[in-house]
Amino acid sequence: ILHNNTQLCTFLGAHLFVNPGLIWLCLCAQLARHCRGLLSLDISNCQNLSDSSLIVVSECCKSLNSLLASGLEKVTDQGIRILAENSDSLVNLSLSMCVGISDFAMSRIAIHCRPLCFF
C-alpha cells in the first residue's frame, strides 16, 4: 500500500512505467487516484490488470495522453468502451496483444478518442 501519495507522485513525475511483475489492481487504482496529473502510463504486459484497472485509470487520470496497455489478456470490450468514453485527451494508445477485445472496442475508440494519432 502506498503511503504519502503526494510525495510519490511528485517523485514519479508525469510519466510512469509500471513493472509487470509488481502491479496489481489495488496499486493501479491507488496510482490512478493519487497521481491524477499523469500524462503517460505504460502498463503493458501487466497480466493482473483487467477492465476494472482501465476504468479506474480512465476515470481518474483525465490528463492522460499516452496509454501503453499491450498484452493485457484480461481486458475486454467493456473496459475499452469505458476507457474510450472517458479519455478525450488520448493521443497515443497501444492495445496490441489484448486478445479479449473485438472490432466493437475499436469502433468505440474511433468514435470517442478524436485526438488519437498513434494507435
N, C-alpha and C. Protein backbone atom coordinates (compact mmCIF):
# COMPACT_ATOMS: atom_id res chain seq x y z
N ILE A 1 0.85 -1.18 0.00
CA ILE A 1 0.00 0.00 0.00
C ILE A 1 0.89 1.23 0.00
N LEU A 2 0.49 2.21 -0.77
CA LEU A 2 1.28 3.44 -0.87
C LEU A 2 1.03 4.34 0.33
N HIS A 3 2.10 4.86 0.87
CA HIS A 3 2.00 5.84 1.93
C HIS A 3 2.55 7.15 1.38
N ASN A 4 2.00 8.25 1.80
CA ASN A 4 2.42 9.57 1.35
C ASN A 4 2.38 9.67 -0.17
N ASN A 5 1.20 9.55 -0.70
CA ASN A 5 0.99 9.52 -2.15
C ASN A 5 1.43 10.80 -2.85
N THR A 6 1.30 11.93 -2.21
CA THR A 6 1.68 13.18 -2.84
C THR A 6 3.16 13.18 -3.17
N GLN A 7 4.00 12.77 -2.23
CA GLN A 7 5.43 12.73 -2.49
C GLN A 7 5.76 11.71 -3.57
N LEU A 8 5.10 10.57 -3.56
CA LEU A 8 5.35 9.54 -4.56
C LEU A 8 5.05 10.08 -5.94
N CYS A 9 3.92 10.71 -6.12
CA CYS A 9 3.53 11.21 -7.43
C CYS A 9 4.42 12.35 -7.89
N THR A 10 4.90 13.16 -6.97
CA THR A 10 5.84 14.21 -7.31
C THR A 10 7.14 13.59 -7.80
N PHE A 11 7.57 12.54 -7.11
CA PHE A 11 8.79 11.84 -7.49
C PHE A 11 8.63 11.17 -8.86
N LEU A 12 7.50 10.57 -9.11
CA LEU A 12 7.26 9.87 -10.37
C LEU A 12 7.17 10.83 -11.54
N GLY A 13 6.69 12.01 -11.32
CA GLY A 13 6.52 12.97 -12.39
C GLY A 13 5.28 12.66 -13.20
N ALA A 14 5.29 13.07 -14.46
CA ALA A 14 4.10 12.94 -15.28
C ALA A 14 4.07 11.66 -16.10
N HIS A 15 5.15 10.89 -16.07
CA HIS A 15 5.22 9.68 -16.89
C HIS A 15 5.56 8.50 -16.00
N LEU A 16 4.90 7.38 -16.22
CA LEU A 16 5.10 6.24 -15.34
C LEU A 16 5.14 4.95 -16.15
N PHE A 17 6.21 4.20 -15.94
CA PHE A 17 6.32 2.86 -16.48
C PHE A 17 6.14 1.91 -15.31
N VAL A 18 5.27 0.95 -15.45
CA VAL A 18 4.98 0.02 -14.36
C VAL A 18 5.60 -1.33 -14.68
N ASN A 19 6.36 -1.87 -13.73
CA ASN A 19 6.97 -3.18 -13.88
C ASN A 19 5.86 -4.23 -13.85
N PRO A 20 5.72 -5.03 -14.91
CA PRO A 20 4.62 -6.00 -14.98
C PRO A 20 4.58 -6.98 -13.80
N GLY A 21 5.71 -7.28 -13.21
CA GLY A 21 5.72 -8.23 -12.10
C GLY A 21 5.28 -7.63 -10.78
N LEU A 22 5.17 -6.32 -10.71
CA LEU A 22 4.87 -5.67 -9.44
C LEU A 22 3.49 -5.06 -9.35
N ILE A 23 2.78 -4.97 -10.44
CA ILE A 23 1.49 -4.26 -10.42
C ILE A 23 0.34 -5.22 -10.14
N TRP A 24 -0.61 -4.77 -9.43
CA TRP A 24 -1.86 -5.48 -9.22
C TRP A 24 -2.94 -4.42 -9.10
N LEU A 25 -4.18 -4.86 -9.08
CA LEU A 25 -5.31 -3.94 -9.18
C LEU A 25 -5.29 -2.83 -8.13
N CYS A 26 -5.05 -3.15 -6.86
CA CYS A 26 -5.12 -2.11 -5.84
C CYS A 26 -4.03 -1.06 -6.02
N LEU A 27 -2.83 -1.46 -6.48
CA LEU A 27 -1.76 -0.50 -6.72
C LEU A 27 -2.12 0.38 -7.91
N CYS A 28 -2.64 -0.21 -8.96
CA CYS A 28 -3.05 0.56 -10.13
C CYS A 28 -4.12 1.58 -9.75
N ALA A 29 -5.08 1.16 -8.95
CA ALA A 29 -6.15 2.06 -8.52
C ALA A 29 -5.58 3.19 -7.68
N GLN A 30 -4.65 2.90 -6.77
CA GLN A 30 -4.07 3.95 -5.95
C GLN A 30 -3.27 4.93 -6.80
N LEU A 31 -2.49 4.42 -7.75
CA LEU A 31 -1.74 5.31 -8.62
C LEU A 31 -2.68 6.23 -9.40
N ALA A 32 -3.73 5.66 -9.94
CA ALA A 32 -4.68 6.46 -10.73
C ALA A 32 -5.36 7.52 -9.87
N ARG A 33 -5.77 7.15 -8.68
CA ARG A 33 -6.50 8.09 -7.82
C ARG A 33 -5.61 9.19 -7.25
N HIS A 34 -4.34 8.89 -7.03
CA HIS A 34 -3.47 9.85 -6.37
C HIS A 34 -2.47 10.51 -7.30
N CYS A 35 -2.37 10.07 -8.51
CA CYS A 35 -1.47 10.67 -9.50
C CYS A 35 -2.31 11.17 -10.67
N ARG A 36 -3.26 12.00 -10.38
CA ARG A 36 -4.21 12.45 -11.40
C ARG A 36 -3.58 13.28 -12.52
N GLY A 37 -2.37 13.77 -12.29
CA GLY A 37 -1.70 14.57 -13.32
C GLY A 37 -0.87 13.76 -14.30
N LEU A 38 -0.98 12.44 -14.23
CA LEU A 38 -0.21 11.60 -15.14
C LEU A 38 -0.53 11.93 -16.59
N LEU A 39 0.50 12.04 -17.40
CA LEU A 39 0.33 12.26 -18.83
C LEU A 39 0.56 10.99 -19.61
N SER A 40 1.42 10.12 -19.10
CA SER A 40 1.82 8.91 -19.81
C SER A 40 1.88 7.74 -18.84
N LEU A 41 1.30 6.61 -19.24
CA LEU A 41 1.29 5.44 -18.39
C LEU A 41 1.54 4.20 -19.25
N ASP A 42 2.51 3.40 -18.84
CA ASP A 42 2.83 2.16 -19.54
C ASP A 42 2.54 1.00 -18.59
N ILE A 43 1.45 0.30 -18.85
CA ILE A 43 1.07 -0.87 -18.06
C ILE A 43 1.09 -2.13 -18.92
N SER A 44 1.87 -2.09 -19.98
CA SER A 44 1.96 -3.22 -20.91
C SER A 44 2.40 -4.49 -20.19
N ASN A 45 1.77 -5.59 -20.57
CA ASN A 45 2.10 -6.92 -20.06
C ASN A 45 1.89 -7.10 -18.57
N CYS A 46 1.11 -6.26 -17.95
CA CYS A 46 0.75 -6.43 -16.54
C CYS A 46 -0.44 -7.38 -16.50
N GLN A 47 -0.17 -8.65 -16.42
CA GLN A 47 -1.17 -9.69 -16.58
C GLN A 47 -2.28 -9.66 -15.54
N ASN A 48 -2.07 -9.03 -14.40
CA ASN A 48 -3.10 -9.00 -13.36
C ASN A 48 -4.15 -7.92 -13.60
N LEU A 49 -3.91 -7.04 -14.55
CA LEU A 49 -4.83 -5.93 -14.78
C LEU A 49 -5.96 -6.35 -15.71
N SER A 50 -7.13 -5.76 -15.48
CA SER A 50 -8.32 -6.12 -16.25
C SER A 50 -9.12 -4.86 -16.55
N ASP A 51 -10.37 -5.05 -16.94
CA ASP A 51 -11.26 -3.93 -17.24
C ASP A 51 -11.32 -2.93 -16.09
N SER A 52 -11.45 -3.42 -14.88
CA SER A 52 -11.60 -2.51 -13.73
C SER A 52 -10.38 -1.60 -13.59
N SER A 53 -9.19 -2.08 -13.93
CA SER A 53 -7.99 -1.25 -13.88
C SER A 53 -8.07 -0.11 -14.89
N LEU A 54 -8.46 -0.45 -16.12
CA LEU A 54 -8.58 0.59 -17.16
C LEU A 54 -9.66 1.60 -16.81
N ILE A 55 -10.73 1.13 -16.21
CA ILE A 55 -11.83 2.02 -15.84
C ILE A 55 -11.35 3.03 -14.79
N VAL A 56 -10.65 2.57 -13.77
CA VAL A 56 -10.13 3.47 -12.74
C VAL A 56 -9.17 4.48 -13.35
N VAL A 57 -8.26 4.00 -14.20
CA VAL A 57 -7.31 4.91 -14.84
C VAL A 57 -8.05 5.96 -15.67
N SER A 58 -9.04 5.52 -16.46
CA SER A 58 -9.74 6.48 -17.33
C SER A 58 -10.60 7.46 -16.55
N GLU A 59 -11.11 7.06 -15.40
CA GLU A 59 -11.94 7.96 -14.59
C GLU A 59 -11.10 8.93 -13.77
N CYS A 60 -9.90 8.55 -13.41
CA CYS A 60 -9.09 9.38 -12.51
C CYS A 60 -8.01 10.19 -13.21
N CYS A 61 -7.48 9.70 -14.30
CA CYS A 61 -6.35 10.36 -14.97
C CYS A 61 -6.84 11.06 -16.24
N LYS A 62 -7.56 12.12 -16.07
CA LYS A 62 -8.16 12.84 -17.21
C LYS A 62 -7.14 13.52 -18.10
N SER A 63 -5.90 13.75 -17.60
CA SER A 63 -4.86 14.40 -18.39
C SER A 63 -4.06 13.42 -19.23
N LEU A 64 -4.32 12.14 -19.08
CA LEU A 64 -3.53 11.11 -19.74
C LEU A 64 -3.60 11.27 -21.25
N ASN A 65 -2.43 11.39 -21.88
CA ASN A 65 -2.42 11.48 -23.34
C ASN A 65 -1.72 10.29 -24.00
N SER A 66 -1.07 9.44 -23.19
CA SER A 66 -0.44 8.25 -23.74
C SER A 66 -0.68 7.07 -22.79
N LEU A 67 -1.28 6.02 -23.33
CA LEU A 67 -1.52 4.81 -22.56
C LEU A 67 -1.04 3.60 -23.36
N LEU A 68 -0.02 2.96 -22.82
CA LEU A 68 0.51 1.75 -23.44
C LEU A 68 0.00 0.58 -22.62
N ALA A 69 -0.90 -0.19 -23.18
CA ALA A 69 -1.57 -1.26 -22.46
C ALA A 69 -1.54 -2.56 -23.26
N SER A 70 -0.46 -2.81 -23.95
CA SER A 70 -0.33 -4.02 -24.76
C SER A 70 -0.23 -5.25 -23.88
N GLY A 71 -0.78 -6.34 -24.37
CA GLY A 71 -0.63 -7.62 -23.70
C GLY A 71 -1.48 -7.81 -22.46
N LEU A 72 -2.54 -7.02 -22.31
CA LEU A 72 -3.43 -7.19 -21.16
C LEU A 72 -4.50 -8.20 -21.55
N GLU A 73 -4.28 -9.44 -21.22
CA GLU A 73 -5.15 -10.52 -21.68
C GLU A 73 -6.52 -10.52 -21.02
N LYS A 74 -6.68 -9.86 -19.88
CA LYS A 74 -7.96 -9.85 -19.17
C LYS A 74 -8.85 -8.68 -19.56
N VAL A 75 -8.38 -7.80 -20.41
CA VAL A 75 -9.15 -6.63 -20.83
C VAL A 75 -10.14 -7.05 -21.91
N THR A 76 -11.37 -6.55 -21.80
CA THR A 76 -12.43 -6.89 -22.75
C THR A 76 -12.99 -5.62 -23.39
N ASP A 77 -13.98 -5.80 -24.26
CA ASP A 77 -14.65 -4.67 -24.90
C ASP A 77 -15.23 -3.70 -23.88
N GLN A 78 -15.74 -4.20 -22.78
CA GLN A 78 -16.35 -3.35 -21.75
C GLN A 78 -15.33 -2.34 -21.22
N GLY A 79 -14.14 -2.80 -20.88
CA GLY A 79 -13.11 -1.91 -20.36
C GLY A 79 -12.67 -0.89 -21.39
N ILE A 80 -12.53 -1.32 -22.64
CA ILE A 80 -12.12 -0.41 -23.70
C ILE A 80 -13.21 0.60 -24.00
N ARG A 81 -14.47 0.16 -23.96
CA ARG A 81 -15.58 1.10 -24.19
C ARG A 81 -15.56 2.23 -23.16
N ILE A 82 -15.42 1.89 -21.91
CA ILE A 82 -15.41 2.92 -20.86
C ILE A 82 -14.15 3.77 -20.94
N LEU A 83 -13.01 3.15 -21.24
CA LEU A 83 -11.77 3.91 -21.44
C LEU A 83 -11.97 4.94 -22.54
N ALA A 84 -12.53 4.52 -23.67
CA ALA A 84 -12.74 5.42 -24.80
C ALA A 84 -13.68 6.57 -24.44
N GLU A 85 -14.76 6.26 -23.74
CA GLU A 85 -15.73 7.29 -23.37
C GLU A 85 -15.16 8.31 -22.39
N ASN A 86 -14.19 7.91 -21.57
CA ASN A 86 -13.62 8.80 -20.56
C ASN A 86 -12.31 9.45 -20.96
N SER A 87 -11.76 9.11 -22.11
CA SER A 87 -10.41 9.54 -22.45
C SER A 87 -10.38 10.42 -23.69
N ASP A 88 -10.84 11.63 -23.55
CA ASP A 88 -10.89 12.52 -24.70
C ASP A 88 -9.57 13.23 -24.99
N SER A 89 -8.52 12.98 -24.18
CA SER A 89 -7.23 13.62 -24.43
C SER A 89 -6.17 12.63 -24.91
N LEU A 90 -6.53 11.37 -25.13
CA LEU A 90 -5.55 10.37 -25.57
C LEU A 90 -5.06 10.67 -26.99
N VAL A 91 -3.74 10.71 -27.12
CA VAL A 91 -3.10 10.91 -28.42
C VAL A 91 -2.41 9.62 -28.86
N ASN A 92 -1.95 8.84 -27.88
CA ASN A 92 -1.22 7.60 -28.15
C ASN A 92 -1.85 6.47 -27.34
N LEU A 93 -2.26 5.41 -28.02
CA LEU A 93 -2.88 4.27 -27.35
C LEU A 93 -2.36 2.99 -27.98
N SER A 94 -1.85 2.09 -27.14
CA SER A 94 -1.37 0.80 -27.63
C SER A 94 -2.13 -0.31 -26.94
N LEU A 95 -2.81 -1.13 -27.73
CA LEU A 95 -3.58 -2.26 -27.22
C LEU A 95 -3.21 -3.56 -27.92
N SER A 96 -2.05 -3.62 -28.52
CA SER A 96 -1.66 -4.83 -29.23
C SER A 96 -1.60 -6.01 -28.27
N MET A 97 -1.93 -7.17 -28.76
CA MET A 97 -1.90 -8.41 -27.98
C MET A 97 -2.93 -8.43 -26.85
N CYS A 98 -3.92 -7.57 -26.91
CA CYS A 98 -5.06 -7.62 -25.97
C CYS A 98 -6.10 -8.51 -26.65
N VAL A 99 -6.03 -9.78 -26.38
CA VAL A 99 -6.81 -10.76 -27.13
C VAL A 99 -8.30 -10.76 -26.79
N GLY A 100 -8.69 -10.08 -25.74
CA GLY A 100 -10.09 -10.07 -25.32
C GLY A 100 -10.93 -8.96 -25.91
N ILE A 101 -10.35 -8.19 -26.85
CA ILE A 101 -11.12 -7.09 -27.43
C ILE A 101 -11.45 -7.39 -28.89
N SER A 102 -12.54 -6.79 -29.36
CA SER A 102 -13.03 -7.06 -30.70
C SER A 102 -13.16 -5.76 -31.50
N ASP A 103 -13.74 -5.88 -32.68
CA ASP A 103 -13.99 -4.71 -33.52
C ASP A 103 -14.91 -3.71 -32.83
N PHE A 104 -15.79 -4.19 -31.96
CA PHE A 104 -16.67 -3.28 -31.22
C PHE A 104 -15.84 -2.29 -30.41
N ALA A 105 -14.81 -2.78 -29.72
CA ALA A 105 -13.95 -1.90 -28.92
C ALA A 105 -13.25 -0.89 -29.81
N MET A 106 -12.80 -1.35 -30.98
CA MET A 106 -12.12 -0.44 -31.91
C MET A 106 -13.06 0.66 -32.39
N SER A 107 -14.32 0.31 -32.59
CA SER A 107 -15.29 1.32 -33.04
C SER A 107 -15.53 2.36 -31.95
N ARG A 108 -15.53 1.96 -30.70
CA ARG A 108 -15.70 2.91 -29.59
C ARG A 108 -14.51 3.87 -29.53
N ILE A 109 -13.32 3.36 -29.76
CA ILE A 109 -12.13 4.21 -29.77
C ILE A 109 -12.23 5.21 -30.91
N ALA A 110 -12.62 4.75 -32.09
CA ALA A 110 -12.74 5.64 -33.25
C ALA A 110 -13.76 6.75 -33.00
N ILE A 111 -14.85 6.43 -32.33
CA ILE A 111 -15.90 7.42 -32.07
C ILE A 111 -15.50 8.41 -30.99
N HIS A 112 -14.91 7.94 -29.90
CA HIS A 112 -14.71 8.79 -28.73
C HIS A 112 -13.31 9.39 -28.59
N CYS A 113 -12.31 8.80 -29.16
CA CYS A 113 -10.92 9.29 -28.98
C CYS A 113 -10.48 10.08 -30.21
N ARG A 114 -11.08 11.22 -30.40
CA ARG A 114 -10.83 12.04 -31.58
C ARG A 114 -9.39 12.51 -31.74
N PRO A 115 -8.70 12.90 -30.65
CA PRO A 115 -7.32 13.39 -30.84
C PRO A 115 -6.30 12.28 -31.10
N LEU A 116 -6.70 11.03 -31.09
CA LEU A 116 -5.80 9.91 -31.21
C LEU A 116 -5.00 9.98 -32.52
N CYS A 117 -3.67 9.95 -32.39
CA CYS A 117 -2.80 9.99 -33.56
C CYS A 117 -2.06 8.67 -33.78
N PHE A 118 -1.73 7.99 -32.67
CA PHE A 118 -0.96 6.76 -32.74
C PHE A 118 -1.76 5.65 -32.08
N PHE A 119 -2.07 4.63 -32.86
CA PHE A 119 -2.87 3.53 -32.34
C PHE A 119 -2.30 2.23 -32.84
